[in-house]
Amino acid sequence: MVRMMVQLTEEQVKALKEMSKARKTPVAKLVRESVAYYVASSTQLSAQERRKRANAIRSVAGRYRDIERAKDLSTNHDKYLEDAFAS
């Protein structure tokens, strides 16, 4: 592990100490868990990317209204989504 020095507000320290006491967990562990959670959540898709993908899915789903095309879509949906994301 790497030792770091950070500055927290008094409110943050108070909240961490209360959580530490309630959970019987060291403050350092709570900070590490918080950082890990933040890093993991920040690597998820941005809202803009989620909207882009949702629009691509909608564009594919709305194209095929007759039953034969619907069967093709249900079988080949991954290909259609790949094509939609590429455009």
PDB file of N, CA and C in Angstrom:
ATOM      1  N   MET A   1       0.840  -1.182   0.000  1.00  0.00           N
ATOM      2  CA  MET A   1       0.000   0.000   0.000  1.00  0.00           C
ATOM      3  C   MET A   1       0.880   1.238   0.000  1.00  0.00           C
ATOM      4  N   VAL A   2       0.295   2.313  -0.518  1.00  0.00           N
ATOM      5  CA  VAL A   2       0.979   3.596  -0.575  1.00  0.00           C
ATOM      6  C   VAL A   2       0.348   4.520   0.458  1.00  0.00           C
ATOM      7  N   ARG A   3       1.181   5.183   1.215  1.00  0.00           N
ATOM      8  CA  ARG A   3       0.679   6.127   2.206  1.00  0.00           C
ATOM      9  C   ARG A   3       0.471   7.479   1.531  1.00  0.00           C
ATOM     10  N   MET A   4      -0.689   8.081   1.781  1.00  0.00           N
ATOM     11  CA  MET A   4      -1.004   9.399   1.204  1.00  0.00           C
ATOM     12  C   MET A   4      -1.513  10.321   2.288  1.00  0.00           C
ATOM     13  N   MET A   5      -1.317  11.602   2.052  1.00  0.00           N
ATOM     14  CA  MET A   5      -1.864  12.588   2.968  1.00  0.00           C
ATOM     15  C   MET A   5      -2.969  13.335   2.218  1.00  0.00           C
ATOM     16  N   VAL A   6      -4.157  13.363   2.807  1.00  0.00           N
ATOM     17  CA  VAL A   6      -5.280  14.081   2.197  1.00  0.00           C
ATOM     18  C   VAL A   6      -5.877  15.019   3.229  1.00  0.00           C
ATOM     19  N   GLN A   7      -6.557  16.034   2.732  1.00  0.00           N
ATOM     20  CA  GLN A   7      -7.236  16.973   3.623  1.00  0.00           C
ATOM     21  C   GLN A   7      -8.731  16.794   3.466  1.00  0.00           C
ATOM     22  N   LEU A   8      -9.408  16.652   4.591  1.00  0.00           N
ATOM     23  CA  LEU A   8     -10.855  16.487   4.606  1.00  0.00           C
ATOM     24  C   LEU A   8     -11.470  17.612   5.426  1.00  0.00           C
ATOM     25  N   THR A   9     -12.725  17.879   5.161  1.00  0.00           N
ATOM     26  CA  THR A   9     -13.425  18.881   5.960  1.00  0.00           C
ATOM     27  C   THR A   9     -13.720  18.297   7.337  1.00  0.00           C
ATOM     28  N   GLU A  10     -14.012  19.153   8.267  1.00  0.00           N
ATOM     29  CA  GLU A  10     -14.355  18.691   9.611  1.00  0.00           C
ATOM     30  C   GLU A  10     -15.597  17.800   9.578  1.00  0.00           C
ATOM     31  N   GLU A  11     -16.549  18.152   8.728  1.00  0.00           N
ATOM     32  CA  GLU A  11     -17.772  17.343   8.611  1.00  0.00           C
ATOM     33  C   GLU A  11     -17.469  15.955   8.077  1.00  0.00           C
ATOM     34  N   GLN A  12     -16.573  15.870   7.105  1.00  0.00           N
ATOM     35  CA  GLN A  12     -16.200  14.576   6.548  1.00  0.00           C
ATOM     36  C   GLN A  12     -15.512  13.702   7.595  1.00  0.00           C
ATOM     37  N   VAL A  13     -14.617  14.295   8.367  1.00  0.00           N
ATOM     38  CA  VAL A  13     -13.914  13.545   9.402  1.00  0.00           C
ATOM     39  C   VAL A  13     -14.899  13.067  10.466  1.00  0.00           C
ATOM     40  N   LYS A  14     -15.802  13.940  10.854  1.00  0.00           N
ATOM     41  CA  LYS A  14     -16.809  13.570  11.856  1.00  0.00           C
ATOM     42  C   LYS A  14     -17.651  12.399  11.360  1.00  0.00           C
ATOM     43  N   ALA A  15     -18.105  12.485  10.112  1.00  0.00           N
ATOM     44  CA  ALA A  15     -18.933  11.416   9.540  1.00  0.00           C
ATOM     45  C   ALA A  15     -18.149  10.110   9.457  1.00  0.00           C
ATOM     46  N   LEU A  16     -16.893  10.189   9.043  1.00  0.00           N
ATOM     47  CA  LEU A  16     -16.065   8.986   8.955  1.00  0.00           C
ATOM     48  C   LEU A  16     -15.851   8.345  10.326  1.00  0.00           C
ATOM     49  N   LYS A  17     -15.604   9.173  11.327  1.00  0.00           N
ATOM     50  CA  LYS A  17     -15.388   8.634  12.679  1.00  0.00           C
ATOM     51  C   LYS A  17     -16.656   7.970  13.207  1.00  0.00           C
ATOM     52  N   GLU A  18     -17.815   8.565  12.918  1.00  0.00           N
ATOM     53  CA  GLU A  18     -19.081   7.969  13.351  1.00  0.00           C
ATOM     54  C   GLU A  18     -19.320   6.633  12.651  1.00  0.00           C
ATOM     55  N   MET A  19     -19.061   6.600  11.353  1.00  0.00           N
ATOM     56  CA  MET A  19     -19.212   5.353  10.598  1.00  0.00           C
ATOM     57  C   MET A  19     -18.227   4.299  11.095  1.00  0.00           C
ATOM     58  N   SER A  20     -17.006   4.727  11.375  1.00  0.00           N
ATOM     59  CA  SER A  20     -15.979   3.819  11.856  1.00  0.00           C
ATOM     60  C   SER A  20     -16.399   3.171  13.169  1.00  0.00           C
ATOM     61  N   LYS A  21     -16.920   3.974  14.058  1.00  0.00           N
ATOM     62  CA  LYS A  21     -17.367   3.467  15.351  1.00  0.00           C
ATOM     63  C   LYS A  21     -18.550   2.519  15.186  1.00  0.00           C
ATOM     64  N   ALA A  22     -19.532   2.924  14.363  1.00  0.00           N
ATOM     65  CA  ALA A  22     -20.730   2.103  14.166  1.00  0.00           C
ATOM     66  C   ALA A  22     -20.403   0.766  13.511  1.00  0.00           C
ATOM     67  N   ARG A  23     -19.474   0.764  12.577  1.00  0.00           N
ATOM     68  CA  ARG A  23     -19.135  -0.462  11.849  1.00  0.00           C
ATOM     69  C   ARG A  23     -17.975  -1.233  12.474  1.00  0.00           C
ATOM     70  N   LYS A  24     -17.353  -0.613  13.487  1.00  0.00           N
ATOM     71  CA  LYS A  24     -16.161  -1.215  14.107  1.00  0.00           C
ATOM     72  C   LYS A  24     -15.103  -1.503  13.042  1.00  0.00           C
ATOM     73  N   THR A  25     -14.872  -0.495  12.220  1.00  0.00           N
ATOM     74  CA  THR A  25     -13.940  -0.576  11.096  1.00  0.00           C
ATOM     75  C   THR A  25     -13.028   0.652  11.138  1.00  0.00           C
ATOM     76  N   PRO A  26     -11.747   0.509  10.875  1.00  0.00           N
ATOM     77  CA  PRO A  26     -10.858   1.675  10.865  1.00  0.00           C
ATOM     78  C   PRO A  26     -11.255   2.690   9.792  1.00  0.00           C
ATOM     79  N   VAL A  27     -11.021   3.954  10.102  1.00  0.00           N
ATOM     80  CA  VAL A  27     -11.327   5.027   9.147  1.00  0.00           C
ATOM     81  C   VAL A  27     -10.572   4.795   7.841  1.00  0.00           C
ATOM     82  N   ALA A  28      -9.328   4.361   7.927  1.00  0.00           N
ATOM     83  CA  ALA A  28      -8.522   4.132   6.716  1.00  0.00           C
ATOM     84  C   ALA A  28      -9.197   3.126   5.791  1.00  0.00           C
ATOM     85  N   LYS A  29      -9.782   2.080   6.376  1.00  0.00           N
ATOM     86  CA  LYS A  29     -10.469   1.083   5.547  1.00  0.00           C
ATOM     87  C   LYS A  29     -11.699   1.690   4.879  1.00  0.00           C
ATOM     88  N   LEU A  30     -12.436   2.525   5.612  1.00  0.00           N
ATOM     89  CA  LEU A  30     -13.603   3.188   5.016  1.00  0.00           C
ATOM     90  C   LEU A  30     -13.179   4.085   3.851  1.00  0.00           C
ATOM     91  N   VAL A  31     -12.075   4.775   4.016  1.00  0.00           N
ATOM     92  CA  VAL A  31     -11.583   5.651   2.942  1.00  0.00           C
ATOM     93  C   VAL A  31     -11.189   4.815   1.729  1.00  0.00           C
ATOM     94  N   ARG A  32     -10.461   3.708   1.955  1.00  0.00           N
ATOM     95  CA  ARG A  32     -10.072   2.845   0.834  1.00  0.00           C
ATOM     96  C   ARG A  32     -11.297   2.290   0.113  1.00  0.00           C
ATOM     97  N   GLU A  33     -12.301   1.843   0.871  1.00  0.00           N
ATOM     98  CA  GLU A  33     -13.531   1.322   0.263  1.00  0.00           C
ATOM     99  C   GLU A  33     -14.246   2.409  -0.541  1.00  0.00           C
ATOM    100  N   SER A  34     -14.265   3.619  -0.007  1.00  0.00           N
ATOM    101  CA  SER A  34     -14.912   4.733  -0.702  1.00  0.00           C
ATOM    102  C   SER A  34     -14.215   5.051  -2.017  1.00  0.00           C
ATOM    103  N   VAL A  35     -12.883   5.058  -1.973  1.00  0.00           N
ATOM    104  CA  VAL A  35     -12.113   5.329  -3.194  1.00  0.00           C
ATOM    105  C   VAL A  35     -12.337   4.218  -4.217  1.00  0.00           C
ATOM    106  N   ALA A  36     -12.344   2.980  -3.760  1.00  0.00           N
ATOM    107  CA  ALA A  36     -12.568   1.850  -4.677  1.00  0.00           C
ATOM    108  C   ALA A  36     -13.944   1.952  -5.327  1.00  0.00           C
ATOM    109  N   TYR A  37     -14.956   2.291  -4.539  1.00  0.00           N
ATOM    110  CA  TYR A  37     -16.309   2.446  -5.076  1.00  0.00           C
ATOM    111  C   TYR A  37     -16.358   3.582  -6.099  1.00  0.00           C
ATOM    112  N   TYR A  38     -15.738   4.704  -5.783  1.00  0.00           N
ATOM    113  CA  TYR A  38     -15.728   5.852  -6.688  1.00  0.00           C
ATOM    114  C   TYR A  38     -15.031   5.510  -8.005  1.00  0.00           C
ATOM    115  N   VAL A  39     -13.897   4.852  -7.919  1.00  0.00           N
ATOM    116  CA  VAL A  39     -13.160   4.478  -9.133  1.00  0.00           C
ATOM    117  C   VAL A  39     -13.991   3.525  -9.984  1.00  0.00           C
ATOM    118  N   ALA A  40     -14.610   2.539  -9.345  1.00  0.00           N
ATOM    119  CA  ALA A  40     -15.424   1.571 -10.096  1.00  0.00           C
ATOM    120  C   ALA A  40     -16.616   2.250 -10.751  1.00  0.00           C
ATOM    121  N   SER A  41     -17.267   3.156 -10.050  1.00  0.00           N
ATOM    122  CA  SER A  41     -18.450   3.802 -10.617  1.00  0.00           C
ATOM    123  C   SER A  41     -18.085   4.807 -11.702  1.00  0.00           C
ATOM    124  N   SER A  42     -16.898   5.393 -11.628  1.00  0.00           N
ATOM    125  CA  SER A  42     -16.516   6.378 -12.639  1.00  0.00           C
ATOM    126  C   SER A  42     -16.077   5.715 -13.936  1.00  0.00           C
ATOM    127  N   THR A  43     -15.800   4.405 -13.903  1.00  0.00           N
ATOM    128  CA  THR A  43     -15.417   3.705 -15.120  1.00  0.00           C
ATOM    129  C   THR A  43     -16.628   3.190 -15.875  1.00  0.00           C
ATOM    130  N   GLN A  44     -17.816   3.346 -15.295  1.00  0.00           N
ATOM    131  CA  GLN A  44     -19.028   2.932 -15.983  1.00  0.00           C
ATOM    132  C   GLN A  44     -19.330   3.919 -17.109  1.00  0.00           C
ATOM    133  N   LEU A  45     -20.284   3.581 -17.945  1.00  0.00           N
ATOM    134  CA  LEU A  45     -20.632   4.419 -19.078  1.00  0.00           C
ATOM    135  C   LEU A  45     -21.152   5.776 -18.628  1.00  0.00           C
ATOM    136  N   SER A  46     -20.767   6.806 -19.360  1.00  0.00           N
ATOM    137  CA  SER A  46     -21.294   8.133 -19.071  1.00  0.00           C
ATOM    138  C   SER A  46     -22.756   8.192 -19.503  1.00  0.00           C
ATOM    139  N   ALA A  47     -23.471   9.184 -18.994  1.00  0.00           N
ATOM    140  CA  ALA A  47     -24.885   9.346 -19.349  1.00  0.00           C
ATOM    141  C   ALA A  47     -25.032   9.545 -20.858  1.00  0.00           C
ATOM    142  N   GLN A  48     -24.114  10.273 -21.445  1.00  0.00           N
ATOM    143  CA  GLN A  48     -24.169  10.518 -22.888  1.00  0.00           C
ATOM    144  C   GLN A  48     -23.994   9.209 -23.660  1.00  0.00           C
ATOM    145  N   GLU A  49     -23.073   8.376 -23.232  1.00  0.00           N
ATOM    146  CA  GLU A  49     -22.854   7.102 -23.908  1.00  0.00           C
ATOM    147  C   GLU A  49     -24.061   6.182 -23.739  1.00  0.00           C
ATOM    148  N   ARG A  50     -24.679   6.178 -22.553  1.00  0.00           N
ATOM    149  CA  ARG A  50     -25.877   5.362 -22.336  1.00  0.00           C
ATOM    150  C   ARG A  50     -27.019   5.821 -23.245  1.00  0.00           C
ATOM    151  N   ARG A  51     -27.190   7.147 -23.382  1.00  0.00           N
ATOM    152  CA  ARG A  51     -28.235   7.666 -24.285  1.00  0.00           C
ATOM    153  C   ARG A  51     -27.967   7.260 -25.718  1.00  0.00           C
ATOM    154  N   LYS A  52     -26.705   7.355 -26.131  1.00  0.00           N
ATOM    155  CA  LYS A  52     -26.330   6.979 -27.498  1.00  0.00           C
ATOM    156  C   LYS A  52     -26.673   5.520 -27.764  1.00  0.00           C
ATOM    157  N   ARG A  53     -26.349   4.645 -26.821  1.00  0.00           N
ATOM    158  CA  ARG A  53     -26.634   3.223 -26.999  1.00  0.00           C
ATOM    159  C   ARG A  53     -28.130   2.938 -26.966  1.00  0.00           C
ATOM    160  N   ALA A  54     -28.848   3.624 -26.096  1.00  0.00           N
ATOM    161  CA  ALA A  54     -30.303   3.433 -26.031  1.00  0.00           C
ATOM    162  C   ALA A  54     -30.950   3.868 -27.338  1.00  0.00           C
ATOM    163  N   ASN A  55     -30.495   4.970 -27.901  1.00  0.00           N
ATOM    164  CA  ASN A  55     -31.038   5.434 -29.185  1.00  0.00           C
ATOM    165  C   ASN A  55     -30.732   4.441 -30.296  1.00  0.00           C
ATOM    166  N   ALA A  56     -29.558   3.852 -30.258  1.00  0.00           N
ATOM    167  CA  ALA A  56     -29.205   2.847 -31.268  1.00  0.00           C
ATOM    168  C   ALA A  56     -30.128   1.639 -31.152  1.00  0.00           C
ATOM    169  N   ILE A  57     -30.418   1.222 -29.943  1.00  0.00           N
ATOM    170  CA  ILE A  57     -31.317   0.088 -29.735  1.00  0.00           C
ATOM    171  C   ILE A  57     -32.717   0.430 -30.231  1.00  0.00           C
ATOM    172  N   ARG A  58     -33.192   1.628 -29.898  1.00  0.00           N
ATOM    173  CA  ARG A  58     -34.523   2.052 -30.372  1.00  0.00           C
ATOM    174  C   ARG A  58     -34.590   2.082 -31.891  1.00  0.00           C
ATOM    175  N   SER A  59     -33.518   2.540 -32.531  1.00  0.00           N
ATOM    176  CA  SER A  59     -33.539   2.633 -33.989  1.00  0.00           C
ATOM    177  C   SER A  59     -33.624   1.251 -34.625  1.00  0.00           C
ATOM    178  N   VAL A  60     -33.008   0.269 -34.011  1.00  0.00           N
ATOM    179  CA  VAL A  60     -33.066  -1.096 -34.533  1.00  0.00           C
ATOM    180  C   VAL A  60     -34.436  -1.695 -34.281  1.00  0.00           C
ATOM    181  N   ALA A  61     -34.933  -1.560 -33.073  1.00  0.00           N
ATOM    182  CA  ALA A  61     -36.199  -2.187 -32.695  1.00  0.00           C
ATOM    183  C   ALA A  61     -37.372  -1.638 -33.501  1.00  0.00           C
ATOM    184  N   GLY A  62     -37.327  -0.383 -33.859  1.00  0.00           N
ATOM    185  CA  GLY A  62     -38.442   0.218 -34.582  1.00  0.00           C
ATOM    186  C   GLY A  62     -38.467  -0.058 -36.072  1.00  0.00           C
ATOM    187  N   ARG A  63     -37.455  -0.669 -36.612  1.00  0.00           N
ATOM    188  CA  ARG A  63     -37.359  -0.886 -38.057  1.00  0.00           C
ATOM    189  C   ARG A  63     -38.200  -2.049 -38.564  1.00  0.00           C
ATOM    190  N   TYR A  64     -38.423  -3.030 -37.738  1.00  0.00           N
ATOM    191  CA  TYR A  64     -38.965  -4.285 -38.234  1.00  0.00           C
ATOM    192  C   TYR A  64     -40.367  -4.521 -37.682  1.00  0.00           C
ATOM    193  N   ARG A  65     -41.359  -4.314 -38.540  1.00  0.00           N
ATOM    194  CA  ARG A  65     -42.738  -4.410 -38.091  1.00  0.00           C
ATOM    195  C   ARG A  65     -43.412  -5.723 -38.522  1.00  0.00           C
ATOM    196  N   ASP A  66     -42.962  -6.319 -39.621  1.00  0.00           N
ATOM    197  CA  ASP A  66     -43.631  -7.560 -40.026  1.00  0.00           C
ATOM    198  C   ASP A  66     -42.982  -8.765 -39.351  1.00  0.00           C
ATOM    199  N   ILE A  67     -43.677  -9.856 -39.354  1.00  0.00           N
ATOM    200  CA  ILE A  67     -43.285 -11.029 -38.569  1.00  0.00           C
ATOM    201  C   ILE A  67     -41.979 -11.657 -39.054  1.00  0.00           C
ATOM    202  N   GLU A  68     -41.756 -11.690 -40.370  1.00  0.00           N
ATOM    203  CA  GLU A  68     -40.521 -12.291 -40.888  1.00  0.00           C
ATOM    204  C   GLU A  68     -39.301 -11.486 -40.456  1.00  0.00           C
ATOM    205  N   ARG A  69     -39.415 -10.196 -40.549  1.00  0.00           N
ATOM    206  CA  ARG A  69     -38.296  -9.361 -40.102  1.00  0.00           C
ATOM    207  C   ARG A  69     -38.124  -9.449 -38.597  1.00  0.00           C
ATOM    208  N   ALA A  70     -39.213  -9.569 -37.871  1.00  0.00           N
ATOM    209  CA  ALA A  70     -39.130  -9.699 -36.413  1.00  0.00           C
ATOM    210  C   ALA A  70     -38.397 -10.987 -36.040  1.00  0.00           C
ATOM    211  N   LYS A  71     -38.677 -12.076 -36.768  1.00  0.00           N
ATOM    212  CA  LYS A  71     -37.962 -13.328 -36.506  1.00  0.00           C
ATOM    213  C   LYS A  71     -36.475 -13.158 -36.765  1.00  0.00           C
ATOM    214  N   ASP A  72     -36.156 -12.461 -37.864  1.00  0.00           N
ATOM    215  CA  ASP A  72     -34.752 -12.218 -38.184  1.00  0.00           C
ATOM    216  C   ASP A  72     -34.106 -11.371 -37.094  1.00  0.00           C
ATOM    217  N   LEU A  73     -34.807 -10.368 -36.615  1.00  0.00           N
ATOM    218  CA  LEU A  73     -34.274  -9.508 -35.572  1.00  0.00           C
ATOM    219  C   LEU A  73     -34.027 -10.300 -34.296  1.00  0.00           C
ATOM    220  N   SER A  74     -34.949 -11.181 -33.943  1.00  0.00           N
ATOM    221  CA  SER A  74     -34.772 -11.954 -32.715  1.00  0.00           C
ATOM    222  C   SER A  74     -33.588 -12.902 -32.818  1.00  0.00           C
ATOM    223  N   THR A  75     -33.269 -13.337 -34.032  1.00  0.00           N
ATOM    224  CA  THR A  75     -32.145 -14.243 -34.227  1.00  0.00           C
ATOM    225  C   THR A  75     -30.827 -13.491 -34.358  1.00  0.00           C
ATOM    226  N   ASN A  76     -30.854 -12.368 -35.051  1.00  0.00           N
ATOM    227  CA  ASN A  76     -29.623 -11.650 -35.394  1.00  0.00           C
ATOM    228  C   ASN A  76     -29.497 -10.293 -34.692  1.00  0.00           C
ATOM    229  N   HIS A  77     -30.119 -10.147 -33.526  1.00  0.00           N
ATOM    230  CA  HIS A  77     -30.134  -8.841 -32.875  1.00  0.00           C
ATOM    231  C   HIS A  77     -28.732  -8.315 -32.558  1.00  0.00           C
ATOM    232  N   ASP A  78     -27.784  -9.181 -32.229  1.00  0.00           N
ATOM    233  CA  ASP A  78     -26.435  -8.721 -31.925  1.00  0.00           C
ATOM    234  C   ASP A  78     -25.793  -8.051 -33.142  1.00  0.00           C
ATOM    235  N   LYS A  79     -26.007  -8.628 -34.318  1.00  0.00           N
ATOM    236  CA  LYS A  79     -25.448  -8.039 -35.532  1.00  0.00           C
ATOM    237  C   LYS A  79     -26.057  -6.671 -35.798  1.00  0.00           C
ATOM    238  N   TYR A  80     -27.383  -6.562 -35.638  1.00  0.00           N
ATOM    239  CA  TYR A  80     -28.050  -5.282 -35.869  1.00  0.00           C
ATOM    240  C   TYR A  80     -27.591  -4.220 -34.871  1.00  0.00           C
ATOM    241  N   LEU A  81     -27.414  -4.611 -33.616  1.00  0.00           N
ATOM    242  CA  LEU A  81     -26.918  -3.651 -32.631  1.00  0.00           C
ATOM    243  C   LEU A  81     -25.497  -3.223 -32.938  1.00  0.00           C
ATOM    244  N   GLU A  82     -24.675  -4.161 -33.348  1.00  0.00           N
ATOM    245  CA  GLU A  82     -23.296  -3.832 -33.710  1.00  0.00           C
ATOM    246  C   GLU A  82     -23.279  -2.825 -34.855  1.00  0.00           C
ATOM    247  N   ASP A  83     -24.119  -3.063 -35.867  1.00  0.00           N
ATOM    248  CA  ASP A  83     -24.213  -2.139 -36.997  1.00  0.00           C
ATOM    249  C   ASP A  83     -24.701  -0.770 -36.545  1.00  0.00           C
ATOM    250  N   ALA A  84     -25.685  -0.753 -35.639  1.00  0.00           N
ATOM    251  CA  ALA A  84     -26.229   0.510 -35.162  1.00  0.00           C
ATOM    252  C   ALA A  84     -25.202   1.291 -34.346  1.00  0.00           C
ATOM    253  N   PHE A  85     -24.431   0.598 -33.502  1.00  0.00           N
ATOM    254  CA  PHE A  85     -23.401   1.271 -32.702  1.00  0.00           C
ATOM    255  C   PHE A  85     -22.286   1.795 -33.579  1.00  0.00           C
ATOM    256  N   ALA A  86     -22.015   1.098 -34.667  1.00  0.00           N
ATOM    257  CA  ALA A  86     -20.935   1.515 -35.557  1.00  0.00           C
ATOM    258  C   ALA A  86     -21.276   2.800 -36.298  1.00  0.00           C
ATOM    259  N   SER A  87     -22.580   3.017 -36.526  1.00  0.00           N
ATOM    260  CA  SER A  87     -22.957   4.224 -37.297  1.00  0.00           C
ATOM    261  C   SER A  87     -23.098   5.447 -36.438  1.00  0.00           C
TER     262      SER A  87
END
